[in-house]
Amino acid sequence: MNAEHKQPGPWVKSSYSGSGGGDCVEVAAAPTVMHVRDSKLPNLATLTFQAAHWSALTNSVRHHA
């Protein structure tokens, strides 16, 4: 496992999350991957997506929402 998988950050929440809590995810970009975690449980598991896969996912959501 390389360094970008071990120490992601900084973590960022969507501007759509608001300040009232709720169901939010945070993301942290690295050169070739995107890390995703639950903002309410940041010490639990983190999902890691290859940059191309993350881009495809977010583009799909934007166009089908």
Protein backbone atom coordinates (compact mmCIF):
# COMPACT_ATOMS: atom_id res chain seq x y z
CA MET A 1 0.00 0.00 0.00
CA ASN A 2 1.48 3.37 -0.95
CA ALA A 3 1.50 6.60 1.08
CA GLU A 4 -1.53 8.15 -0.65
CA HIS A 5 -3.69 5.26 0.59
CA LYS A 6 -2.46 5.53 4.19
CA GLN A 7 -2.88 9.26 4.89
CA PRO A 8 -5.70 10.86 2.94
CA GLY A 9 -6.71 14.41 3.58
CA PRO A 10 -7.82 17.08 4.00
CA TRP A 11 -11.37 15.81 4.35
CA VAL A 12 -14.12 17.91 2.77
CA LYS A 13 -17.93 17.74 3.04
CA SER A 14 -20.25 18.67 0.22
CA SER A 15 -21.62 22.21 0.24
CA TYR A 16 -25.06 20.52 0.06
CA SER A 17 -24.53 18.95 3.50
CA GLY A 18 -25.41 22.08 5.46
CA SER A 19 -24.52 22.63 9.10
CA GLY A 20 -27.34 20.62 10.67
CA GLY A 21 -25.62 17.24 10.55
CA GLY A 22 -27.55 14.43 8.93
CA ASP A 23 -26.34 11.83 6.47
CA CYS A 24 -23.09 13.16 5.07
CA VAL A 25 -19.97 11.79 3.52
CA GLU A 26 -16.56 13.40 3.37
CA VAL A 27 -14.02 13.03 0.60
CA ALA A 28 -10.27 13.44 0.45
CA ALA A 29 -8.42 13.61 -2.85
CA ALA A 30 -5.03 12.08 -3.51
CA PRO A 31 -3.11 12.11 -6.80
CA THR A 32 -4.67 8.94 -8.20
CA VAL A 33 -7.50 8.03 -5.80
CA MET A 34 -10.45 9.52 -3.91
CA HIS A 35 -11.11 8.50 -0.32
CA VAL A 36 -14.67 8.53 1.05
CA ARG A 37 -15.87 8.16 4.67
CA ASP A 38 -18.93 8.69 6.84
CA SER A 39 -18.67 12.14 8.44
CA LYS A 40 -20.44 10.93 11.60
CA LEU A 41 -18.08 7.96 12.06
CA PRO A 42 -14.71 9.17 10.72
CA ASN A 43 -12.66 6.52 12.54
CA LEU A 44 -14.37 3.63 10.76
CA ALA A 45 -13.53 2.21 7.35
CA THR A 46 -12.73 4.42 4.39
CA LEU A 47 -13.65 3.57 0.81
CA THR A 48 -11.01 4.24 -1.84
CA PHE A 49 -11.87 4.74 -5.50
CA GLN A 50 -9.54 5.06 -8.45
CA ALA A 51 -9.81 8.61 -9.79
CA ALA A 52 -11.42 7.48 -13.08
CA HIS A 53 -14.03 5.42 -11.23
CA TRP A 54 -14.86 8.30 -8.86
CA SER A 55 -15.25 10.64 -11.82
CA ALA A 56 -17.58 8.19 -13.58
CA LEU A 57 -19.68 7.79 -10.42
CA THR A 58 -20.05 11.50 -9.74
CA ASN A 59 -20.80 12.26 -13.40
CA SER A 60 -23.49 9.59 -13.41
CA VAL A 61 -25.09 10.97 -10.26
CA ARG A 62 -25.06 14.52 -11.65
CA HIS A 63 -26.76 13.46 -14.85
CA HIS A 64 -29.37 11.14 -13.31
CA ALA A 65 -30.34 13.06 -10.19
